[in-house]
Amino acid sequence: MSLEASPAALAAGYARAVDDREFSAMEALMWPEFTQQGPGFASESRAVFIGNLEFLRSFESTFHLVGQVAGQWQGDRYRGETYCVASHFYQREGRSLCMDMGIRYQDVIEVRGGEARYLSRDLNVVWQDEREITAPTLG
């Protein structure tokens, strides 16, 4: 993978790992000293971050739609921003609900030994909306 393509590839891998509930896949996307801060939470290492992801199991599923990825490399370090709409699906009182969040991730990626991984990925929630949805029908 080219250096220029790695921010988008990492963002896609992050979204896929969360939505597939394959949290251990984050180990290949983040350096051990990875940190993340967001509204009301902080993770001071990759291990803590992966453990914190368990709260997502309280939702039936999630769906992360990754949008624009923009930033710049300075040597082996990238600083940029990734837009995402994160949908969280759940049931309450017999109703199917969705909580959407508009997120702007502030990304720092570092290359070591030719491999690019996240060093930090802070979360800025721009908007949030909860609504009732029609549950999918299987058939």
N, C-alpha and C. Protein backbone atom coordinates (compact mmCIF):
# COMPACT_ATOMS: atom_id res chain seq x y z
N MET A 1 0.84 -1.17 0.00
CA MET A 1 0.00 0.00 0.00
C MET A 1 0.89 1.24 0.00
N SER A 2 0.52 2.21 -0.80
CA SER A 2 1.30 3.44 -0.87
C SER A 2 1.07 4.28 0.38
N LEU A 3 2.02 5.12 0.66
CA LEU A 3 1.91 6.02 1.81
C LEU A 3 0.68 6.91 1.68
N GLU A 4 0.43 7.42 0.49
CA GLU A 4 -0.72 8.31 0.27
C GLU A 4 -2.06 7.59 0.48
N ALA A 5 -2.13 6.30 0.20
CA ALA A 5 -3.37 5.55 0.34
C ALA A 5 -3.60 5.06 1.77
N SER A 6 -2.58 5.07 2.60
CA SER A 6 -2.71 4.46 3.92
C SER A 6 -3.71 5.14 4.85
N PRO A 7 -3.89 6.48 4.87
CA PRO A 7 -4.92 7.04 5.76
C PRO A 7 -6.33 6.52 5.45
N ALA A 8 -6.70 6.46 4.18
CA ALA A 8 -8.03 5.96 3.81
C ALA A 8 -8.15 4.47 4.11
N ALA A 9 -7.08 3.70 3.86
CA ALA A 9 -7.12 2.26 4.13
C ALA A 9 -7.23 2.00 5.64
N LEU A 10 -6.52 2.76 6.45
CA LEU A 10 -6.63 2.60 7.90
C LEU A 10 -8.03 2.96 8.39
N ALA A 11 -8.61 4.04 7.85
CA ALA A 11 -9.96 4.44 8.25
C ALA A 11 -10.98 3.36 7.89
N ALA A 12 -10.84 2.77 6.71
CA ALA A 12 -11.75 1.70 6.29
C ALA A 12 -11.56 0.47 7.17
N GLY A 13 -10.33 0.12 7.49
CA GLY A 13 -10.07 -1.03 8.36
C GLY A 13 -10.62 -0.83 9.76
N TYR A 14 -10.50 0.38 10.27
CA TYR A 14 -11.03 0.73 11.59
C TYR A 14 -12.55 0.55 11.60
N ALA A 15 -13.24 1.10 10.59
CA ALA A 15 -14.69 0.99 10.50
C ALA A 15 -15.12 -0.47 10.37
N ARG A 16 -14.43 -1.22 9.55
CA ARG A 16 -14.78 -2.63 9.34
C ARG A 16 -14.59 -3.43 10.64
N ALA A 17 -13.48 -3.20 11.34
CA ALA A 17 -13.23 -3.93 12.59
C ALA A 17 -14.31 -3.65 13.62
N VAL A 18 -14.75 -2.40 13.72
CA VAL A 18 -15.80 -2.05 14.67
C VAL A 18 -17.12 -2.70 14.26
N ASP A 19 -17.50 -2.53 13.00
CA ASP A 19 -18.80 -3.05 12.55
C ASP A 19 -18.86 -4.58 12.57
N ASP A 20 -17.73 -5.23 12.33
CA ASP A 20 -17.68 -6.70 12.37
C ASP A 20 -17.42 -7.24 13.77
N ARG A 21 -17.23 -6.35 14.73
CA ARG A 21 -16.92 -6.72 16.11
C ARG A 21 -15.65 -7.55 16.21
N GLU A 22 -14.70 -7.25 15.35
CA GLU A 22 -13.39 -7.91 15.38
C GLU A 22 -12.39 -6.93 15.99
N PHE A 23 -12.60 -6.64 17.27
CA PHE A 23 -11.84 -5.62 17.94
C PHE A 23 -10.34 -5.90 17.98
N SER A 24 -9.96 -7.17 18.02
CA SER A 24 -8.53 -7.50 18.04
C SER A 24 -7.83 -7.09 16.74
N ALA A 25 -8.59 -6.88 15.66
CA ALA A 25 -8.00 -6.42 14.40
C ALA A 25 -7.38 -5.04 14.56
N MET A 26 -7.77 -4.30 15.59
CA MET A 26 -7.20 -2.97 15.83
C MET A 26 -5.71 -3.03 16.11
N GLU A 27 -5.24 -4.18 16.59
CA GLU A 27 -3.81 -4.31 16.88
C GLU A 27 -2.96 -4.08 15.64
N ALA A 28 -3.46 -4.44 14.47
CA ALA A 28 -2.72 -4.25 13.22
C ALA A 28 -2.88 -2.83 12.66
N LEU A 29 -3.77 -2.04 13.25
CA LEU A 29 -4.04 -0.69 12.75
C LEU A 29 -3.45 0.40 13.63
N MET A 30 -3.02 0.04 14.85
CA MET A 30 -2.58 1.03 15.84
C MET A 30 -1.27 0.61 16.48
N TRP A 31 -0.45 1.59 16.80
CA TRP A 31 0.76 1.33 17.58
C TRP A 31 0.36 1.10 19.03
N PRO A 32 1.15 0.34 19.78
CA PRO A 32 0.78 0.03 21.18
C PRO A 32 0.48 1.27 22.04
N GLU A 33 1.16 2.38 21.78
CA GLU A 33 0.94 3.60 22.58
C GLU A 33 -0.17 4.49 22.02
N PHE A 34 -1.01 3.92 21.16
CA PHE A 34 -2.17 4.62 20.59
C PHE A 34 -3.00 5.26 21.70
N THR A 35 -3.48 6.48 21.44
CA THR A 35 -4.38 7.15 22.37
C THR A 35 -5.61 7.65 21.61
N GLN A 36 -6.70 7.79 22.34
CA GLN A 36 -7.91 8.40 21.78
C GLN A 36 -8.64 9.14 22.88
N GLN A 37 -9.12 10.35 22.53
CA GLN A 37 -9.95 11.13 23.43
C GLN A 37 -11.22 11.51 22.71
N GLY A 38 -12.29 11.56 23.46
CA GLY A 38 -13.58 11.95 22.90
C GLY A 38 -14.46 12.48 24.02
N PRO A 39 -15.71 12.77 23.71
CA PRO A 39 -16.60 13.33 24.73
C PRO A 39 -16.86 12.32 25.85
N GLY A 40 -16.28 12.61 27.01
CA GLY A 40 -16.52 11.78 28.18
C GLY A 40 -15.68 10.52 28.29
N PHE A 41 -14.66 10.35 27.47
CA PHE A 41 -13.82 9.15 27.58
C PHE A 41 -12.41 9.43 27.07
N ALA A 42 -11.50 8.56 27.46
CA ALA A 42 -10.12 8.63 26.99
C ALA A 42 -9.51 7.24 27.09
N SER A 43 -8.67 6.93 26.13
CA SER A 43 -7.91 5.67 26.13
C SER A 43 -6.44 6.04 26.02
N GLU A 44 -5.66 5.58 26.99
CA GLU A 44 -4.25 5.96 27.01
C GLU A 44 -3.33 4.92 26.38
N SER A 45 -3.91 3.85 25.82
CA SER A 45 -3.11 2.84 25.12
C SER A 45 -4.02 2.05 24.18
N ARG A 46 -3.39 1.33 23.27
CA ARG A 46 -4.16 0.47 22.36
C ARG A 46 -4.94 -0.58 23.13
N ALA A 47 -4.31 -1.17 24.14
CA ALA A 47 -4.98 -2.22 24.93
C ALA A 47 -6.22 -1.68 25.62
N VAL A 48 -6.12 -0.49 26.21
CA VAL A 48 -7.27 0.12 26.88
C VAL A 48 -8.35 0.44 25.85
N PHE A 49 -7.96 0.98 24.70
CA PHE A 49 -8.91 1.30 23.65
C PHE A 49 -9.69 0.06 23.20
N ILE A 50 -8.97 -1.03 22.93
CA ILE A 50 -9.63 -2.26 22.48
C ILE A 50 -10.60 -2.76 23.55
N GLY A 51 -10.19 -2.71 24.81
CA GLY A 51 -11.09 -3.10 25.89
C GLY A 51 -12.33 -2.22 25.96
N ASN A 52 -12.16 -0.92 25.73
CA ASN A 52 -13.29 0.00 25.76
C ASN A 52 -14.31 -0.27 24.65
N LEU A 53 -13.87 -0.87 23.55
CA LEU A 53 -14.78 -1.15 22.44
C LEU A 53 -15.89 -2.14 22.82
N GLU A 54 -15.69 -2.88 23.89
CA GLU A 54 -16.70 -3.87 24.31
C GLU A 54 -18.08 -3.23 24.53
N PHE A 55 -18.11 -1.93 24.86
CA PHE A 55 -19.41 -1.29 25.08
C PHE A 55 -20.26 -1.31 23.81
N LEU A 56 -19.64 -1.43 22.65
CA LEU A 56 -20.40 -1.47 21.40
C LEU A 56 -21.25 -2.73 21.28
N ARG A 57 -20.94 -3.75 22.06
CA ARG A 57 -21.74 -4.97 22.02
C ARG A 57 -23.14 -4.75 22.59
N SER A 58 -23.37 -3.61 23.26
CA SER A 58 -24.71 -3.30 23.76
C SER A 58 -25.65 -2.90 22.61
N PHE A 59 -25.11 -2.62 21.44
CA PHE A 59 -25.91 -2.33 20.25
C PHE A 59 -26.06 -3.61 19.43
N GLU A 60 -27.20 -3.74 18.75
CA GLU A 60 -27.40 -4.90 17.88
C GLU A 60 -26.36 -4.90 16.77
N SER A 61 -26.09 -3.73 16.22
CA SER A 61 -25.07 -3.59 15.19
C SER A 61 -24.70 -2.12 15.06
N THR A 62 -23.62 -1.89 14.32
CA THR A 62 -23.21 -0.53 13.98
C THR A 62 -22.90 -0.49 12.49
N PHE A 63 -22.89 0.71 11.96
CA PHE A 63 -22.59 0.90 10.53
C PHE A 63 -21.85 2.22 10.41
N HIS A 64 -20.57 2.14 10.10
CA HIS A 64 -19.73 3.33 9.97
C HIS A 64 -19.51 3.65 8.50
N LEU A 65 -19.94 4.81 8.08
CA LEU A 65 -19.76 5.27 6.70
C LEU A 65 -18.64 6.30 6.71
N VAL A 66 -17.51 5.93 6.13
CA VAL A 66 -16.35 6.81 6.11
C VAL A 66 -16.46 7.75 4.92
N GLY A 67 -16.26 9.03 5.19
CA GLY A 67 -16.33 10.06 4.14
C GLY A 67 -14.94 10.55 3.78
N GLN A 68 -14.81 11.84 3.69
CA GLN A 68 -13.54 12.40 3.22
C GLN A 68 -12.41 12.14 4.21
N VAL A 69 -11.26 11.91 3.64
CA VAL A 69 -10.02 11.71 4.40
C VAL A 69 -9.02 12.69 3.83
N ALA A 70 -8.57 13.64 4.65
CA ALA A 70 -7.67 14.68 4.15
C ALA A 70 -6.63 15.01 5.20
N GLY A 71 -5.40 15.15 4.75
CA GLY A 71 -4.32 15.50 5.65
C GLY A 71 -3.01 15.60 4.90
N GLN A 72 -1.93 15.72 5.65
CA GLN A 72 -0.61 15.85 5.03
C GLN A 72 0.42 15.02 5.78
N TRP A 73 1.35 14.50 5.00
CA TRP A 73 2.50 13.80 5.55
C TRP A 73 3.62 14.81 5.74
N GLN A 74 4.30 14.71 6.86
CA GLN A 74 5.55 15.42 7.10
C GLN A 74 6.54 14.37 7.56
N GLY A 75 7.36 13.93 6.63
CA GLY A 75 8.26 12.82 6.92
C GLY A 75 7.46 11.55 7.14
N ASP A 76 7.68 10.91 8.28
CA ASP A 76 6.98 9.66 8.60
C ASP A 76 5.72 9.87 9.43
N ARG A 77 5.26 11.10 9.54
CA ARG A 77 4.08 11.38 10.35
C ARG A 77 3.01 12.10 9.52
N TYR A 78 1.79 11.60 9.66
CA TYR A 78 0.62 12.17 8.97
C TYR A 78 -0.29 12.80 10.00
N ARG A 79 -0.80 13.97 9.69
CA ARG A 79 -1.83 14.62 10.51
C ARG A 79 -2.98 14.97 9.58
N GLY A 80 -4.17 14.51 9.95
CA GLY A 80 -5.30 14.76 9.08
C GLY A 80 -6.62 14.56 9.80
N GLU A 81 -7.65 14.54 8.99
CA GLU A 81 -9.01 14.45 9.51
C GLU A 81 -9.81 13.49 8.65
N THR A 82 -10.64 12.69 9.31
CA THR A 82 -11.53 11.75 8.62
C THR A 82 -12.96 12.01 9.09
N TYR A 83 -13.85 12.21 8.13
CA TYR A 83 -15.27 12.37 8.44
C TYR A 83 -15.94 11.00 8.45
N CYS A 84 -16.90 10.83 9.34
CA CYS A 84 -17.60 9.55 9.45
C CYS A 84 -19.01 9.78 9.99
N VAL A 85 -19.96 9.00 9.49
CA VAL A 85 -21.27 8.92 10.10
C VAL A 85 -21.35 7.52 10.71
N ALA A 86 -21.50 7.48 12.02
CA ALA A 86 -21.55 6.21 12.75
C ALA A 86 -22.98 5.97 13.21
N SER A 87 -23.57 4.90 12.71
CA SER A 87 -24.94 4.53 13.07
C SER A 87 -24.90 3.37 14.06
N HIS A 88 -25.72 3.48 15.11
CA HIS A 88 -25.79 2.48 16.17
C HIS A 88 -27.23 2.02 16.28
N PHE A 89 -27.48 0.73 16.07
CA PHE A 89 -28.83 0.18 16.02
C PHE A 89 -29.14 -0.60 17.29
N TYR A 90 -30.35 -0.38 17.83
CA TYR A 90 -30.73 -1.05 19.07
C TYR A 90 -32.24 -1.06 19.22
N GLN A 91 -32.72 -1.81 20.21
CA GLN A 91 -34.14 -1.94 20.52
C GLN A 91 -34.40 -1.30 21.88
N ARG A 92 -35.53 -0.61 21.99
CA ARG A 92 -35.97 -0.10 23.28
C ARG A 92 -37.49 -0.12 23.30
N GLU A 93 -38.03 -0.77 24.30
CA GLU A 93 -39.48 -0.85 24.48
C GLU A 93 -40.18 -1.34 23.21
N GLY A 94 -39.59 -2.35 22.57
CA GLY A 94 -40.16 -2.95 21.37
C GLY A 94 -40.02 -2.12 20.11
N ARG A 95 -39.27 -1.05 20.17
CA ARG A 95 -39.06 -0.18 19.01
C ARG A 95 -37.63 -0.32 18.50
N SER A 96 -37.47 -0.30 17.18
CA SER A 96 -36.14 -0.32 16.56
C SER A 96 -35.66 1.12 16.44
N LEU A 97 -34.49 1.39 17.00
CA LEU A 97 -33.95 2.75 17.01
C LEU A 97 -32.57 2.80 16.39
N CYS A 98 -32.22 3.99 15.94
CA CYS A 98 -30.89 4.24 15.40
C CYS A 98 -30.39 5.56 15.98
N MET A 99 -29.17 5.53 16.50
CA MET A 99 -28.50 6.75 16.92
C MET A 99 -27.36 6.99 15.93
N ASP A 100 -27.44 8.10 15.22
CA ASP A 100 -26.38 8.48 14.28
C ASP A 100 -25.51 9.55 14.92
N MET A 101 -24.22 9.48 14.62
CA MET A 101 -23.28 10.48 15.09
C MET A 101 -22.45 10.95 13.89
N GLY A 102 -22.36 12.26 13.73
CA GLY A 102 -21.45 12.83 12.74
C GLY A 102 -20.13 13.08 13.44
N ILE A 103 -19.08 12.41 12.98
CA ILE A 103 -17.79 12.44 13.67
C ILE A 103 -16.71 13.01 12.75
N ARG A 104 -15.85 13.82 13.32
CA ARG A 104 -14.63 14.27 12.65
C ARG A 104 -13.46 13.75 13.49
N TYR A 105 -12.81 12.70 12.98
CA TYR A 105 -11.64 12.14 13.66
C TYR A 105 -10.42 13.01 13.36
N GLN A 106 -9.63 13.29 14.37
CA GLN A 106 -8.36 13.98 14.20
C GLN A 106 -7.28 12.90 14.28
N ASP A 107 -6.72 12.56 13.13
CA ASP A 107 -5.83 11.40 13.00
C ASP A 107 -4.35 11.78 13.01
N VAL A 108 -3.58 10.98 13.71
CA VAL A 108 -2.12 11.03 13.61
C VAL A 108 -1.67 9.61 13.29
N ILE A 109 -0.97 9.47 12.18
CA ILE A 109 -0.47 8.18 11.71
C ILE A 109 1.04 8.28 11.65
N GLU A 110 1.69 7.20 12.03
CA GLU A 110 3.15 7.18 11.97
C GLU A 110 3.62 5.93 11.23
N VAL A 111 4.67 6.10 10.44
CA VAL A 111 5.28 4.98 9.72
C VAL A 111 6.51 4.53 10.50
N ARG A 112 6.55 3.22 10.74
CA ARG A 112 7.71 2.59 11.39
C ARG A 112 8.03 1.32 10.63
N GLY A 113 9.26 1.17 10.23
CA GLY A 113 9.65 -0.04 9.51
C GLY A 113 8.84 -0.25 8.24
N GLY A 114 8.42 0.84 7.62
CA GLY A 114 7.64 0.76 6.39
C GLY A 114 6.16 0.51 6.59
N GLU A 115 5.69 0.44 7.84
CA GLU A 115 4.28 0.17 8.12
C GLU A 115 3.62 1.38 8.77
N ALA A 116 2.47 1.78 8.23
CA ALA A 116 1.71 2.92 8.75
C ALA A 116 0.62 2.42 9.69
N ARG A 117 0.54 3.05 10.87
CA ARG A 117 -0.51 2.74 11.85
C ARG A 117 -0.89 4.02 12.58
N TYR A 118 -2.08 3.98 13.18
CA TYR A 118 -2.51 5.12 13.98
C TYR A 118 -1.65 5.27 15.23
N LEU A 119 -1.30 6.51 15.52
CA LEU A 119 -0.67 6.86 16.78
C LEU A 119 -1.71 7.46 17.72
N SER A 120 -2.65 8.22 17.14
CA SER A 120 -3.80 8.72 17.90
C SER A 120 -4.94 8.97 16.93
N ARG A 121 -6.14 8.99 17.49
CA ARG A 121 -7.34 9.23 16.69
C ARG A 121 -8.41 9.83 17.60
N ASP A 122 -8.35 11.14 17.77
CA ASP A 122 -9.30 11.80 18.65
C ASP A 122 -10.63 12.00 17.95
N LEU A 123 -11.67 11.96 18.74
CA LEU A 123 -13.04 11.93 18.22
C LEU A 123 -13.76 13.23 18.57
N ASN A 124 -14.23 13.93 17.55
CA ASN A 124 -15.02 15.14 17.74
C ASN A 124 -16.42 14.87 17.18
N VAL A 125 -17.40 14.77 18.07
CA VAL A 125 -18.78 14.52 17.65
C VAL A 125 -19.40 15.88 17.29
N VAL A 126 -19.75 16.04 16.01
CA VAL A 126 -20.30 17.30 15.52
C VAL A 126 -21.81 17.35 15.72
N TRP A 127 -22.47 16.22 15.54
CA TRP A 127 -23.92 16.15 15.72
C TRP A 127 -24.31 14.73 16.10
N GLN A 128 -25.50 14.62 16.67
CA GLN A 128 -26.03 13.31 17.06
C GLN A 128 -27.55 13.35 16.90
N ASP A 129 -28.11 12.24 16.45
CA ASP A 129 -29.54 12.17 16.23
C ASP A 129 -30.02 10.76 16.55
N GLU A 130 -31.15 10.67 17.21
CA GLU A 130 -31.76 9.38 17.50
C GLU A 130 -33.15 9.35 16.88
N ARG A 131 -33.48 8.24 16.23
CA ARG A 131 -34.80 8.15 15.60
C ARG A 131 -35.24 6.70 15.53
N GLU A 132 -36.55 6.54 15.39
CA GLU A 132 -37.11 5.21 15.19
C GLU A 132 -36.92 4.84 13.73
N ILE A 133 -36.62 3.58 13.49
CA ILE A 133 -36.42 3.09 12.12
C ILE A 133 -37.27 1.86 11.88
N THR A 134 -37.40 1.51 10.64
CA THR A 134 -38.08 0.27 10.27
C THR A 134 -37.03 -0.82 10.30
N ALA A 135 -37.26 -1.83 11.10
CA ALA A 135 -36.31 -2.94 11.19
C ALA A 135 -36.28 -3.68 9.86
N PRO A 136 -35.09 -4.15 9.44
CA PRO A 136 -35.01 -4.91 8.19
C PRO A 136 -35.79 -6.22 8.28
N THR A 137 -36.37 -6.59 7.19
CA THR A 137 -37.06 -7.87 7.13
C THR A 137 -36.16 -8.89 6.45
N LEU A 138 -36.10 -10.05 7.02
CA LEU A 138 -35.28 -11.11 6.43
C LEU A 138 -36.16 -11.96 5.56
N GLY A 139 -35.63 -12.36 4.45
CA GLY A 139 -36.46 -13.22 3.64
C GLY A 139 -35.93 -13.39 2.33
